[in-house]
Amino acid sequence: MRRVNESALITINAIEGGQFVAEKFENEMRERTKELCRLSKEQAEKLAEALEGELVALGNAEWSIVMKPLPYFHIYFALVSDGIKVLFDKKALEAGMPVDDAYDITRLVSNALVRKARKLFPE
């Protein structure tokens, strides 16, 4: 499993304009992804593979799935003690990713993760 250095990642707050939507984004992601919190590391790996994502080692996260909807936009969904934490690769800053695009794409990807998890692990 590939290890990812947390210093290479950012929160939505770091994207230009992100400070204005950070609280709403974090609340929405917490609600959207709460079902993912029940997944074991093995289940998270199967989920990632099913959606062409990757399970990676990230800090103290129990598991972390990275999804790459665009070459410069990688989204990390990490299970930490208080739920799913959503982070982005710094490449988004270099590419000038607008915060509204980051928000919308992350919402779509999180929905896909949850839907696929429901199908794979209906319990």
PDB file of N, CA and C in Angstrom:
ATOM      1  N   MET A   1       0.852  -1.183   0.000  1.00  0.00           N
ATOM      2  CA  MET A   1       0.000   0.000   0.000  1.00  0.00           C
ATOM      3  C   MET A   1       0.896   1.245   0.000  1.00  0.00           C
ATOM      4  N   ARG A   2       0.582   2.125  -0.868  1.00  0.00           N
ATOM      5  CA  ARG A   2       1.334   3.373  -1.003  1.00  0.00           C
ATOM      6  C   ARG A   2       1.047   4.298   0.183  1.00  0.00           C
ATOM      7  N   ARG A   3       2.087   4.911   0.719  1.00  0.00           N
ATOM      8  CA  ARG A   3       1.947   5.869   1.818  1.00  0.00           C
ATOM      9  C   ARG A   3       1.916   7.277   1.232  1.00  0.00           C
ATOM     10  N   VAL A   4       0.969   8.076   1.709  1.00  0.00           N
ATOM     11  CA  VAL A   4       0.820   9.458   1.249  1.00  0.00           C
ATOM     12  C   VAL A   4       1.210  10.387   2.385  1.00  0.00           C
ATOM     13  N   ASN A   5       2.039  11.350   2.091  1.00  0.00           N
ATOM     14  CA  ASN A   5       2.469  12.324   3.077  1.00  0.00           C
ATOM     15  C   ASN A   5       1.383  13.392   3.221  1.00  0.00           C
ATOM     16  N   GLU A   6       0.921  13.599   4.420  1.00  0.00           N
ATOM     17  CA  GLU A   6      -0.146  14.578   4.670  1.00  0.00           C
ATOM     18  C   GLU A   6       0.246  16.004   4.271  1.00  0.00           C
ATOM     19  N   SER A   7       1.530  16.281   4.229  1.00  0.00           N
ATOM     20  CA  SER A   7       1.961  17.639   3.855  1.00  0.00           C
ATOM     21  C   SER A   7       1.687  17.924   2.372  1.00  0.00           C
ATOM     22  N   ALA A   8       1.395  16.880   1.593  1.00  0.00           N
ATOM     23  CA  ALA A   8       1.074  17.059   0.171  1.00  0.00           C
ATOM     24  C   ALA A   8      -0.417  17.292  -0.046  1.00  0.00           C
ATOM     25  N   LEU A   9      -1.184  17.340   1.048  1.00  0.00           N
ATOM     26  CA  LEU A   9      -2.641  17.452   0.954  1.00  0.00           C
ATOM     27  C   LEU A   9      -3.141  18.748   1.585  1.00  0.00           C
ATOM     28  N   ILE A  10      -4.328  19.147   1.152  1.00  0.00           N
ATOM     29  CA  ILE A  10      -4.957  20.368   1.656  1.00  0.00           C
ATOM     30  C   ILE A  10      -6.431  20.091   1.963  1.00  0.00           C
ATOM     31  N   THR A  11      -7.032  20.994   2.696  1.00  0.00           N
ATOM     32  CA  THR A  11      -8.482  20.961   2.894  1.00  0.00           C
ATOM     33  C   THR A  11      -9.105  21.944   1.898  1.00  0.00           C
ATOM     34  N   ILE A  12     -10.404  21.946   1.810  1.00  0.00           N
ATOM     35  CA  ILE A  12     -11.083  22.878   0.900  1.00  0.00           C
ATOM     36  C   ILE A  12     -10.801  24.328   1.295  1.00  0.00           C
ATOM     37  N   ASN A  13     -10.479  24.532   2.546  1.00  0.00           N
ATOM     38  CA  ASN A  13     -10.178  25.867   3.056  1.00  0.00           C
ATOM     39  C   ASN A  13      -8.983  26.502   2.340  1.00  0.00           C
ATOM     40  N   ALA A  14      -8.059  25.666   1.830  1.00  0.00           N
ATOM     41  CA  ALA A  14      -6.855  26.180   1.174  1.00  0.00           C
ATOM     42  C   ALA A  14      -7.108  26.623  -0.265  1.00  0.00           C
ATOM     43  N   ILE A  15      -8.198  26.181  -0.847  1.00  0.00           N
ATOM     44  CA  ILE A  15      -8.532  26.570  -2.214  1.00  0.00           C
ATOM     45  C   ILE A  15      -9.123  27.975  -2.174  1.00  0.00           C
ATOM     46  N   GLU A  16      -8.791  28.790  -3.146  1.00  0.00           N
ATOM     47  CA  GLU A  16      -9.276  30.172  -3.147  1.00  0.00           C
ATOM     48  C   GLU A  16     -10.797  30.217  -3.007  1.00  0.00           C
ATOM     49  N   GLY A  17     -11.275  30.929  -2.008  1.00  0.00           N
ATOM     50  CA  GLY A  17     -12.709  31.023  -1.723  1.00  0.00           C
ATOM     51  C   GLY A  17     -13.201  29.918  -0.810  1.00  0.00           C
ATOM     52  N   GLY A  18     -12.352  28.942  -0.529  1.00  0.00           N
ATOM     53  CA  GLY A  18     -12.742  27.805   0.301  1.00  0.00           C
ATOM     54  C   GLY A  18     -13.103  28.164   1.734  1.00  0.00           C
ATOM     55  N   GLN A  19     -12.504  29.233   2.232  1.00  0.00           N
ATOM     56  CA  GLN A  19     -12.799  29.636   3.610  1.00  0.00           C
ATOM     57  C   GLN A  19     -14.265  30.024   3.779  1.00  0.00           C
ATOM     58  N   PHE A  20     -14.925  30.406   2.685  1.00  0.00           N
ATOM     59  CA  PHE A  20     -16.319  30.813   2.761  1.00  0.00           C
ATOM     60  C   PHE A  20     -17.281  29.628   2.746  1.00  0.00           C
ATOM     61  N   VAL A  21     -16.801  28.473   2.279  1.00  0.00           N
ATOM     62  CA  VAL A  21     -17.676  27.294   2.190  1.00  0.00           C
ATOM     63  C   VAL A  21     -17.192  26.140   3.053  1.00  0.00           C
ATOM     64  N   ALA A  22     -16.065  26.305   3.736  1.00  0.00           N
ATOM     65  CA  ALA A  22     -15.439  25.201   4.470  1.00  0.00           C
ATOM     66  C   ALA A  22     -16.382  24.548   5.483  1.00  0.00           C
ATOM     67  N   GLU A  23     -17.050  25.345   6.298  1.00  0.00           N
ATOM     68  CA  GLU A  23     -17.922  24.779   7.326  1.00  0.00           C
ATOM     69  C   GLU A  23     -19.091  24.016   6.701  1.00  0.00           C
ATOM     70  N   LYS A  24     -19.721  24.620   5.702  1.00  0.00           N
ATOM     71  CA  LYS A  24     -20.834  23.964   5.017  1.00  0.00           C
ATOM     72  C   LYS A  24     -20.359  22.669   4.350  1.00  0.00           C
ATOM     73  N   PHE A  25     -19.209  22.733   3.686  1.00  0.00           N
ATOM     74  CA  PHE A  25     -18.641  21.571   3.013  1.00  0.00           C
ATOM     75  C   PHE A  25     -18.374  20.440   4.000  1.00  0.00           C
ATOM     76  N   GLU A  26     -17.711  20.752   5.104  1.00  0.00           N
ATOM     77  CA  GLU A  26     -17.382  19.727   6.102  1.00  0.00           C
ATOM     78  C   GLU A  26     -18.643  19.111   6.694  1.00  0.00           C
ATOM     79  N   ASN A  27     -19.644  19.911   6.987  1.00  0.00           N
ATOM     80  CA  ASN A  27     -20.902  19.381   7.512  1.00  0.00           C
ATOM     81  C   ASN A  27     -21.584  18.487   6.488  1.00  0.00           C
ATOM     82  N   GLU A  28     -21.622  18.936   5.235  1.00  0.00           N
ATOM     83  CA  GLU A  28     -22.258  18.154   4.182  1.00  0.00           C
ATOM     84  C   GLU A  28     -21.519  16.840   3.949  1.00  0.00           C
ATOM     85  N   MET A  29     -20.202  16.877   3.916  1.00  0.00           N
ATOM     86  CA  MET A  29     -19.431  15.646   3.706  1.00  0.00           C
ATOM     87  C   MET A  29     -19.592  14.692   4.880  1.00  0.00           C
ATOM     88  N   ARG A  30     -19.642  15.209   6.090  1.00  0.00           N
ATOM     89  CA  ARG A  30     -19.833  14.361   7.266  1.00  0.00           C
ATOM     90  C   ARG A  30     -21.164  13.613   7.158  1.00  0.00           C
ATOM     91  N   GLU A  31     -22.212  14.321   6.737  1.00  0.00           N
ATOM     92  CA  GLU A  31     -23.531  13.711   6.593  1.00  0.00           C
ATOM     93  C   GLU A  31     -23.555  12.729   5.420  1.00  0.00           C
ATOM     94  N   ARG A  32     -23.014  13.129   4.283  1.00  0.00           N
ATOM     95  CA  ARG A  32     -23.022  12.284   3.086  1.00  0.00           C
ATOM     96  C   ARG A  32     -22.242  10.988   3.275  1.00  0.00           C
ATOM     97  N   THR A  33     -21.137  11.054   3.985  1.00  0.00           N
ATOM     98  CA  THR A  33     -20.234   9.911   4.062  1.00  0.00           C
ATOM     99  C   THR A  33     -20.349   9.101   5.350  1.00  0.00           C
ATOM    100  N   LYS A  34     -21.314   9.408   6.200  1.00  0.00           N
ATOM    101  CA  LYS A  34     -21.377   8.717   7.501  1.00  0.00           C
ATOM    102  C   LYS A  34     -21.523   7.203   7.350  1.00  0.00           C
ATOM    103  N   GLU A  35     -22.159   6.742   6.271  1.00  0.00           N
ATOM    104  CA  GLU A  35     -22.296   5.299   6.052  1.00  0.00           C
ATOM    105  C   GLU A  35     -20.950   4.629   5.796  1.00  0.00           C
ATOM    106  N   LEU A  36     -20.009   5.373   5.274  1.00  0.00           N
ATOM    107  CA  LEU A  36     -18.698   4.797   4.992  1.00  0.00           C
ATOM    108  C   LEU A  36     -17.923   4.490   6.269  1.00  0.00           C
ATOM    109  N   CYS A  37     -18.292   5.108   7.362  1.00  0.00           N
ATOM    110  CA  CYS A  37     -17.579   4.916   8.631  1.00  0.00           C
ATOM    111  C   CYS A  37     -17.671   3.486   9.150  1.00  0.00           C
ATOM    112  N   ARG A  38     -18.652   2.739   8.697  1.00  0.00           N
ATOM    113  CA  ARG A  38     -18.833   1.356   9.168  1.00  0.00           C
ATOM    114  C   ARG A  38     -17.950   0.360   8.425  1.00  0.00           C
ATOM    115  N   LEU A  39     -17.284   0.801   7.362  1.00  0.00           N
ATOM    116  CA  LEU A  39     -16.493  -0.105   6.542  1.00  0.00           C
ATOM    117  C   LEU A  39     -15.171  -0.476   7.203  1.00  0.00           C
ATOM    118  N   SER A  40     -14.833  -1.747   7.086  1.00  0.00           N
ATOM    119  CA  SER A  40     -13.519  -2.198   7.543  1.00  0.00           C
ATOM    120  C   SER A  40     -12.484  -1.800   6.498  1.00  0.00           C
ATOM    121  N   LYS A  41     -11.240  -1.965   6.823  1.00  0.00           N
ATOM    122  CA  LYS A  41     -10.174  -1.649   5.878  1.00  0.00           C
ATOM    123  C   LYS A  41     -10.282  -2.534   4.633  1.00  0.00           C
ATOM    124  N   GLU A  42     -10.621  -3.799   4.830  1.00  0.00           N
ATOM    125  CA  GLU A  42     -10.763  -4.727   3.706  1.00  0.00           C
ATOM    126  C   GLU A  42     -11.932  -4.312   2.805  1.00  0.00           C
ATOM    127  N   GLN A  43     -13.029  -3.901   3.409  1.00  0.00           N
ATOM    128  CA  GLN A  43     -14.175  -3.440   2.628  1.00  0.00           C
ATOM    129  C   GLN A  43     -13.837  -2.146   1.880  1.00  0.00           C
ATOM    130  N   ALA A  44     -13.116  -1.247   2.532  1.00  0.00           N
ATOM    131  CA  ALA A  44     -12.711   0.007   1.889  1.00  0.00           C
ATOM    132  C   ALA A  44     -11.826  -0.285   0.681  1.00  0.00           C
ATOM    133  N   GLU A  45     -10.968  -1.270   0.788  1.00  0.00           N
ATOM    134  CA  GLU A  45     -10.105  -1.630  -0.338  1.00  0.00           C
ATOM    135  C   GLU A  45     -10.937  -2.164  -1.507  1.00  0.00           C
ATOM    136  N   LYS A  46     -11.924  -3.002  -1.212  1.00  0.00           N
ATOM    137  CA  LYS A  46     -12.810  -3.524  -2.264  1.00  0.00           C
ATOM    138  C   LYS A  46     -13.615  -2.398  -2.911  1.00  0.00           C
ATOM    139  N   LEU A  47     -14.078  -1.468  -2.088  1.00  0.00           N
ATOM    140  CA  LEU A  47     -14.826  -0.319  -2.606  1.00  0.00           C
ATOM    141  C   LEU A  47     -13.948   0.512  -3.538  1.00  0.00           C
ATOM    142  N   ALA A  48     -12.740   0.799  -3.105  1.00  0.00           N
ATOM    143  CA  ALA A  48     -11.818   1.584  -3.925  1.00  0.00           C
ATOM    144  C   ALA A  48     -11.561   0.892  -5.259  1.00  0.00           C
ATOM    145  N   GLU A  49     -11.290  -0.390  -5.219  1.00  0.00           N
ATOM    146  CA  GLU A  49     -11.031  -1.141  -6.451  1.00  0.00           C
ATOM    147  C   GLU A  49     -12.239  -1.125  -7.382  1.00  0.00           C
ATOM    148  N   ALA A  50     -13.438  -1.248  -6.828  1.00  0.00           N
ATOM    149  CA  ALA A  50     -14.659  -1.284  -7.631  1.00  0.00           C
ATOM    150  C   ALA A  50     -14.891   0.021  -8.383  1.00  0.00           C
ATOM    151  N   LEU A  51     -14.362   1.122  -7.856  1.00  0.00           N
ATOM    152  CA  LEU A  51     -14.556   2.434  -8.479  1.00  0.00           C
ATOM    153  C   LEU A  51     -13.260   2.993  -9.063  1.00  0.00           C
ATOM    154  N   GLU A  52     -12.297   2.109  -9.255  1.00  0.00           N
ATOM    155  CA  GLU A  52     -10.998   2.486  -9.817  1.00  0.00           C
ATOM    156  C   GLU A  52     -10.268   3.523  -8.983  1.00  0.00           C
ATOM    157  N   GLY A  53     -10.470   3.438  -7.680  1.00  0.00           N
ATOM    158  CA  GLY A  53      -9.728   4.260  -6.740  1.00  0.00           C
ATOM    159  C   GLY A  53      -8.576   3.449  -6.176  1.00  0.00           C
ATOM    160  N   GLU A  54      -7.999   3.941  -5.091  1.00  0.00           N
ATOM    161  CA  GLU A  54      -6.853   3.264  -4.488  1.00  0.00           C
ATOM    162  C   GLU A  54      -6.907   3.433  -2.977  1.00  0.00           C
ATOM    163  N   LEU A  55      -6.633   2.356  -2.259  1.00  0.00           N
ATOM    164  CA  LEU A  55      -6.487   2.439  -0.815  1.00  0.00           C
ATOM    165  C   LEU A  55      -5.048   2.848  -0.527  1.00  0.00           C
ATOM    166  N   VAL A  56      -4.864   3.882   0.276  1.00  0.00           N
ATOM    167  CA  VAL A  56      -3.524   4.373   0.607  1.00  0.00           C
ATOM    168  C   VAL A  56      -3.397   4.529   2.112  1.00  0.00           C
ATOM    169  N   ALA A  57      -2.157   4.550   2.587  1.00  0.00           N
ATOM    170  CA  ALA A  57      -1.877   4.804   4.000  1.00  0.00           C
ATOM    171  C   ALA A  57      -1.716   6.310   4.168  1.00  0.00           C
ATOM    172  N   LEU A  58      -2.462   6.869   5.099  1.00  0.00           N
ATOM    173  CA  LEU A  58      -2.450   8.317   5.313  1.00  0.00           C
ATOM    174  C   LEU A  58      -2.499   8.614   6.807  1.00  0.00           C
ATOM    175  N   GLY A  59      -1.403   9.098   7.342  1.00  0.00           N
ATOM    176  CA  GLY A  59      -1.351   9.494   8.748  1.00  0.00           C
ATOM    177  C   GLY A  59      -1.901   8.438   9.672  1.00  0.00           C
ATOM    178  N   ASN A  60      -2.774   8.869  10.589  1.00  0.00           N
ATOM    179  CA  ASN A  60      -3.357   7.947  11.556  1.00  0.00           C
ATOM    180  C   ASN A  60      -4.750   7.471  11.141  1.00  0.00           C
ATOM    181  N   ALA A  61      -5.084   7.617   9.874  1.00  0.00           N
ATOM    182  CA  ALA A  61      -6.396   7.171   9.390  1.00  0.00           C
ATOM    183  C   ALA A  61      -6.460   5.645   9.418  1.00  0.00           C
ATOM    184  N   GLU A  62      -7.636   5.134   9.778  1.00  0.00           N
ATOM    185  CA  GLU A  62      -7.857   3.692   9.763  1.00  0.00           C
ATOM    186  C   GLU A  62      -7.735   3.167   8.331  1.00  0.00           C
ATOM    187  N   TRP A  63      -8.305   3.902   7.402  1.00  0.00           N
ATOM    188  CA  TRP A  63      -8.144   3.649   5.971  1.00  0.00           C
ATOM    189  C   TRP A  63      -8.358   4.956   5.230  1.00  0.00           C
ATOM    190  N   SER A  64      -7.857   4.999   4.009  1.00  0.00           N
ATOM    191  CA  SER A  64      -8.018   6.184   3.175  1.00  0.00           C
ATOM    192  C   SER A  64      -8.133   5.751   1.723  1.00  0.00           C
ATOM    193  N   ILE A  65      -9.162   6.249   1.062  1.00  0.00           N
ATOM    194  CA  ILE A  65      -9.385   5.974  -0.347  1.00  0.00           C
ATOM    195  C   ILE A  65      -9.086   7.247  -1.130  1.00  0.00           C
ATOM    196  N   VAL A  66      -8.286   7.117  -2.175  1.00  0.00           N
ATOM    197  CA  VAL A  66      -8.045   8.259  -3.056  1.00  0.00           C
ATOM    198  C   VAL A  66      -8.765   7.982  -4.370  1.00  0.00           C
ATOM    199  N   MET A  67      -9.536   8.973  -4.795  1.00  0.00           N
ATOM    200  CA  MET A  67     -10.239   8.939  -6.072  1.00  0.00           C
ATOM    201  C   MET A  67      -9.633  10.036  -6.944  1.00  0.00           C
ATOM    202  N   LYS A  68      -9.490   9.746  -8.239  1.00  0.00           N
ATOM    203  CA  LYS A  68      -8.825  10.678  -9.149  1.00  0.00           C
ATOM    204  C   LYS A  68      -9.740  11.013 -10.326  1.00  0.00           C
ATOM    205  N   PRO A  69     -10.742  11.865 -10.083  1.00  0.00           N
ATOM    206  CA  PRO A  69     -11.672  12.195 -11.166  1.00  0.00           C
ATOM    207  C   PRO A  69     -11.037  13.008 -12.296  1.00  0.00           C
ATOM    208  N   LEU A  70      -9.957  13.717 -11.995  1.00  0.00           N
ATOM    209  CA  LEU A  70      -9.208  14.492 -12.999  1.00  0.00           C
ATOM    210  C   LEU A  70      -7.718  14.289 -12.718  1.00  0.00           C
ATOM    211  N   PRO A  71      -6.878  14.404 -13.726  1.00  0.00           N
ATOM    212  CA  PRO A  71      -5.442  14.177 -13.509  1.00  0.00           C
ATOM    213  C   PRO A  71      -4.845  15.067 -12.408  1.00  0.00           C
ATOM    214  N   TYR A  72      -5.363  16.247 -12.247  1.00  0.00           N
ATOM    215  CA  TYR A  72      -4.840  17.197 -11.264  1.00  0.00           C
ATOM    216  C   TYR A  72      -5.745  17.342 -10.032  1.00  0.00           C
ATOM    217  N   PHE A  73      -6.776  16.529  -9.953  1.00  0.00           N
ATOM    218  CA  PHE A  73      -7.705  16.652  -8.831  1.00  0.00           C
ATOM    219  C   PHE A  73      -7.926  15.281  -8.195  1.00  0.00           C
ATOM    220  N   HIS A  74      -7.198  15.045  -7.091  1.00  0.00           N
ATOM    221  CA  HIS A  74      -7.279  13.791  -6.359  1.00  0.00           C
ATOM    222  C   HIS A  74      -7.955  14.069  -5.017  1.00  0.00           C
ATOM    223  N   ILE A  75      -8.965  13.263  -4.705  1.00  0.00           N
ATOM    224  CA  ILE A  75      -9.753  13.451  -3.482  1.00  0.00           C
ATOM    225  C   ILE A  75      -9.474  12.280  -2.544  1.00  0.00           C
ATOM    226  N   TYR A  76      -9.143  12.585  -1.302  1.00  0.00           N
ATOM    227  CA  TYR A  76      -8.853  11.576  -0.292  1.00  0.00           C
ATOM    228  C   TYR A  76      -9.988  11.534   0.718  1.00  0.00           C
ATOM    229  N   PHE A  77     -10.562  10.362   0.900  1.00  0.00           N
ATOM    230  CA  PHE A  77     -11.593  10.131   1.904  1.00  0.00           C
ATOM    231  C   PHE A  77     -10.948   9.259   2.975  1.00  0.00           C
ATOM    232  N   ALA A  78     -10.679   9.824   4.132  1.00  0.00           N
ATOM    233  CA  ALA A  78      -9.940   9.129   5.184  1.00  0.00           C
ATOM    234  C   ALA A  78     -10.825   8.913   6.406  1.00  0.00           C
ATOM    235  N   LEU A  79     -10.859   7.669   6.889  1.00  0.00           N
ATOM    236  CA  LEU A  79     -11.603   7.369   8.111  1.00  0.00           C
ATOM    237  C   LEU A  79     -10.712   7.676   9.304  1.00  0.00           C
ATOM    238  N   VAL A  80     -11.097   8.693  10.044  1.00  0.00           N
ATOM    239  CA  VAL A  80     -10.391   9.087  11.264  1.00  0.00           C
ATOM    240  C   VAL A  80     -11.356   8.938  12.439  1.00  0.00           C
ATOM    241  N   SER A  81     -10.885   9.222  13.628  1.00  0.00           N
ATOM    242  CA  SER A  81     -11.685   8.966  14.834  1.00  0.00           C
ATOM    243  C   SER A  81     -13.060   9.622  14.835  1.00  0.00           C
ATOM    244  N   ASP A  82     -13.197  10.792  14.230  1.00  0.00           N
ATOM    245  CA  ASP A  82     -14.487  11.493  14.273  1.00  0.00           C
ATOM    246  C   ASP A  82     -15.252  11.456  12.949  1.00  0.00           C
ATOM    247  N   GLY A  83     -14.908  10.510  12.067  1.00  0.00           N
ATOM    248  CA  GLY A  83     -15.655  10.366  10.821  1.00  0.00           C
ATOM    249  C   GLY A  83     -14.748  10.401   9.603  1.00  0.00           C
ATOM    250  N   ILE A  84     -15.332  10.707   8.474  1.00  0.00           N
ATOM    251  CA  ILE A  84     -14.586  10.765   7.224  1.00  0.00           C
ATOM    252  C   ILE A  84     -14.040  12.183   7.025  1.00  0.00           C
ATOM    253  N   LYS A  85     -12.747  12.273   6.834  1.00  0.00           N
ATOM    254  CA  LYS A  85     -12.086  13.546   6.564  1.00  0.00           C
ATOM    255  C   LYS A  85     -11.812  13.598   5.062  1.00  0.00           C
ATOM    256  N   VAL A  86     -12.122  14.711   4.425  1.00  0.00           N
ATOM    257  CA  VAL A  86     -11.926  14.872   2.988  1.00  0.00           C
ATOM    258  C   VAL A  86     -10.772  15.842   2.745  1.00  0.00           C
ATOM    259  N   LEU A  87      -9.799  15.364   1.982  1.00  0.00           N
ATOM    260  CA  LEU A  87      -8.617  16.156   1.660  1.00  0.00           C
ATOM    261  C   LEU A  87      -8.377  16.125   0.161  1.00  0.00           C
ATOM    262  N   PHE A  88      -7.550  17.048  -0.309  1.00  0.00           N
ATOM    263  CA  PHE A  88      -7.243  17.151  -1.733  1.00  0.00           C
ATOM    264  C   PHE A  88      -5.743  17.237  -1.925  1.00  0.00           C
ATOM    265  N   ASP A  89      -5.286  16.733  -3.063  1.00  0.00           N
ATOM    266  CA  ASP A  89      -3.885  16.875  -3.432  1.00  0.00           C
ATOM    267  C   ASP A  89      -3.627  18.348  -3.770  1.00  0.00           C
ATOM    268  N   LYS A  90      -2.444  18.830  -3.445  1.00  0.00           N
ATOM    269  CA  LYS A  90      -2.090  20.230  -3.718  1.00  0.00           C
ATOM    270  C   LYS A  90      -2.072  20.549  -5.208  1.00  0.00           C
ATOM    271  N   LYS A  91      -2.097  19.521  -6.062  1.00  0.00           N
ATOM    272  CA  LYS A  91      -2.136  19.760  -7.510  1.00  0.00           C
ATOM    273  C   LYS A  91      -3.344  20.610  -7.890  1.00  0.00           C
ATOM    274  N   ALA A  92      -4.395  20.531  -7.096  1.00  0.00           N
ATOM    275  CA  ALA A  92      -5.598  21.331  -7.376  1.00  0.00           C
ATOM    276  C   ALA A  92      -5.273  22.819  -7.328  1.00  0.00           C
ATOM    277  N   LEU A  93      -4.396  23.213  -6.410  1.00  0.00           N
ATOM    278  CA  LEU A  93      -3.996  24.624  -6.312  1.00  0.00           C
ATOM    279  C   LEU A  93      -3.179  25.037  -7.523  1.00  0.00           C
ATOM    280  N   GLU A  94      -2.246  24.181  -7.892  1.00  0.00           N
ATOM    281  CA  GLU A  94      -1.379  24.477  -9.038  1.00  0.00           C
ATOM    282  C   GLU A  94      -2.186  24.604 -10.330  1.00  0.00           C
ATOM    283  N   ALA A  95      -3.264  23.820 -10.437  1.00  0.00           N
ATOM    284  CA  ALA A  95      -4.104  23.836 -11.638  1.00  0.00           C
ATOM    285  C   ALA A  95      -5.136  24.954 -11.606  1.00  0.00           C
ATOM    286  N   GLY A  96      -5.241  25.640 -10.473  1.00  0.00           N
ATOM    287  CA  GLY A  96      -6.214  26.721 -10.359  1.00  0.00           C
ATOM    288  C   GLY A  96      -7.649  26.232 -10.267  1.00  0.00           C
ATOM    289  N   MET A  97      -7.854  25.080  -9.648  1.00  0.00           N
ATOM    290  CA  MET A  97      -9.189  24.503  -9.491  1.00  0.00           C
ATOM    291  C   MET A  97     -10.089  25.457  -8.713  1.00  0.00           C
ATOM    292  N   PRO A  98     -11.204  25.903  -9.300  1.00  0.00           N
ATOM    293  CA  PRO A  98     -12.137  26.774  -8.578  1.00  0.00           C
ATOM    294  C   PRO A  98     -12.816  26.007  -7.428  1.00  0.00           C
ATOM    295  N   VAL A  99     -13.084  26.688  -6.355  1.00  0.00           N
ATOM    296  CA  VAL A  99     -13.659  26.033  -5.187  1.00  0.00           C
ATOM    297  C   VAL A  99     -15.030  25.427  -5.484  1.00  0.00           C
ATOM    298  N   ASP A 100     -15.825  26.089  -6.335  1.00  0.00           N
ATOM    299  CA  ASP A 100     -17.143  25.529  -6.625  1.00  0.00           C
ATOM    300  C   ASP A 100     -17.032  24.219  -7.411  1.00  0.00           C
ATOM    301  N   ASP A 101     -16.034  24.106  -8.289  1.00  0.00           N
ATOM    302  CA  ASP A 101     -15.808  22.850  -9.003  1.00  0.00           C
ATOM    303  C   ASP A 101     -15.333  21.765  -8.037  1.00  0.00           C
ATOM    304  N   ALA A 102     -14.413  22.122  -7.147  1.00  0.00           N
ATOM    305  CA  ALA A 102     -13.926  21.157  -6.157  1.00  0.00           C
ATOM    306  C   ALA A 102     -15.086  20.644  -5.302  1.00  0.00           C
ATOM    307  N   TYR A 103     -15.946  21.541  -4.884  1.00  0.00           N
ATOM    308  CA  TYR A 103     -17.104  21.197  -4.060  1.00  0.00           C
ATOM    309  C   TYR A 103     -18.032  20.250  -4.820  1.00  0.00           C
ATOM    310  N   ASP A 104     -18.394  20.629  -6.041  1.00  0.00           N
ATOM    311  CA  ASP A 104     -19.346  19.825  -6.821  1.00  0.00           C
ATOM    312  C   ASP A 104     -18.797  18.446  -7.181  1.00  0.00           C
ATOM    313  N   ILE A 105     -17.550  18.396  -7.630  1.00  0.00           N
ATOM    314  CA  ILE A 105     -16.962  17.108  -7.996  1.00  0.00           C
ATOM    315  C   ILE A 105     -16.844  16.207  -6.773  1.00  0.00           C
ATOM    316  N   THR A 106     -16.460  16.764  -5.648  1.00  0.00           N
ATOM    317  CA  THR A 106     -16.336  15.972  -4.422  1.00  0.00           C
ATOM    318  C   THR A 106     -17.694  15.428  -3.996  1.00  0.00           C
ATOM    319  N   ARG A 107     -18.725  16.218  -4.133  1.00  0.00           N
ATOM    320  CA  ARG A 107     -20.078  15.762  -3.807  1.00  0.00           C
ATOM    321  C   ARG A 107     -20.455  14.568  -4.692  1.00  0.00           C
ATOM    322  N   LEU A 108     -20.204  14.670  -5.985  1.00  0.00           N
ATOM    323  CA  LEU A 108     -20.529  13.581  -6.905  1.00  0.00           C
ATOM    324  C   LEU A 108     -19.732  12.314  -6.593  1.00  0.00           C
ATOM    325  N   VAL A 109     -18.449  12.471  -6.319  1.00  0.00           N
ATOM    326  CA  VAL A 109     -17.603  11.312  -6.022  1.00  0.00           C
ATOM    327  C   VAL A 109     -18.021  10.669  -4.697  1.00  0.00           C
ATOM    328  N   SER A 110     -18.342  11.481  -3.706  1.00  0.00           N
ATOM    329  CA  SER A 110     -18.778  10.910  -2.420  1.00  0.00           C
ATOM    330  C   SER A 110     -20.094  10.159  -2.580  1.00  0.00           C
ATOM    331  N   ASN A 111     -20.994  10.681  -3.403  1.00  0.00           N
ATOM    332  CA  ASN A 111     -22.250   9.972  -3.672  1.00  0.00           C
ATOM    333  C   ASN A 111     -21.976   8.624  -4.328  1.00  0.00           C
ATOM    334  N   ALA A 112     -21.043   8.589  -5.278  1.00  0.00           N
ATOM    335  CA  ALA A 112     -20.696   7.339  -5.952  1.00  0.00           C
ATOM    336  C   ALA A 112     -20.115   6.329  -4.961  1.00  0.00           C
ATOM    337  N   LEU A 113     -19.266   6.780  -4.056  1.00  0.00           N
ATOM    338  CA  LEU A 113     -18.700   5.890  -3.041  1.00  0.00           C
ATOM    339  C   LEU A 113     -19.792   5.292  -2.165  1.00  0.00           C
ATOM    340  N   VAL A 114     -20.694   6.121  -1.700  1.00  0.00           N
ATOM    341  CA  VAL A 114     -21.757   5.652  -0.814  1.00  0.00           C
ATOM    342  C   VAL A 114     -22.685   4.674  -1.548  1.00  0.00           C
ATOM    343  N   ARG A 115     -23.077   5.009  -2.760  1.00  0.00           N
ATOM    344  CA  ARG A 115     -23.964   4.113  -3.528  1.00  0.00           C
ATOM    345  C   ARG A 115     -23.315   2.753  -3.769  1.00  0.00           C
ATOM    346  N   LYS A 116     -22.050   2.764  -4.154  1.00  0.00           N
ATOM    347  CA  LYS A 116     -21.353   1.505  -4.420  1.00  0.00           C
ATOM    348  C   LYS A 116     -21.163   0.720  -3.125  1.00  0.00           C
ATOM    349  N   ALA A 117     -20.885   1.398  -2.031  1.00  0.00           N
ATOM    350  CA  ALA A 117     -20.738   0.721  -0.738  1.00  0.00           C
ATOM    351  C   ALA A 117     -22.049   0.038  -0.338  1.00  0.00           C
ATOM    352  N   ARG A 118     -23.173   0.689  -0.588  1.00  0.00           N
ATOM    353  CA  ARG A 118     -24.481   0.089  -0.283  1.00  0.00           C
ATOM    354  C   ARG A 118     -24.700  -1.187  -1.090  1.00  0.00           C
ATOM    355  N   LYS A 119     -24.269  -1.176  -2.356  1.00  0.00           N
ATOM    356  CA  LYS A 119     -24.442  -2.358  -3.205  1.00  0.00           C
ATOM    357  C   LYS A 119     -23.497  -3.484  -2.803  1.00  0.00           C
ATOM    358  N   LEU A 120     -22.256  -3.133  -2.491  1.00  0.00           N
ATOM    359  CA  LEU A 120     -21.272  -4.153  -2.143  1.00  0.00           C
ATOM    360  C   LEU A 120     -21.477  -4.727  -0.736  1.00  0.00           C
ATOM    361  N   PHE A 121     -21.896  -3.875   0.181  1.00  0.00           N
ATOM    362  CA  PHE A 121     -21.987  -4.249   1.608  1.00  0.00           C
ATOM    363  C   PHE A 121     -23.332  -3.826   2.174  1.00  0.00           C
ATOM    364  N   PRO A 122     -24.403  -4.508   1.789  1.00  0.00           N
ATOM    365  CA  PRO A 122     -25.755  -4.055   2.159  1.00  0.00           C
ATOM    366  C   PRO A 122     -26.103  -4.164   3.649  1.00  0.00           C
ATOM    367  N   GLU A 123     -25.303  -4.820   4.447  1.00  0.00           N
ATOM    368  CA  GLU A 123     -25.654  -4.976   5.868  1.00  0.00           C
ATOM    369  C   GLU A 123     -25.776  -3.704   6.577  1.00  0.00           C
TER     370      GLU A 123
END
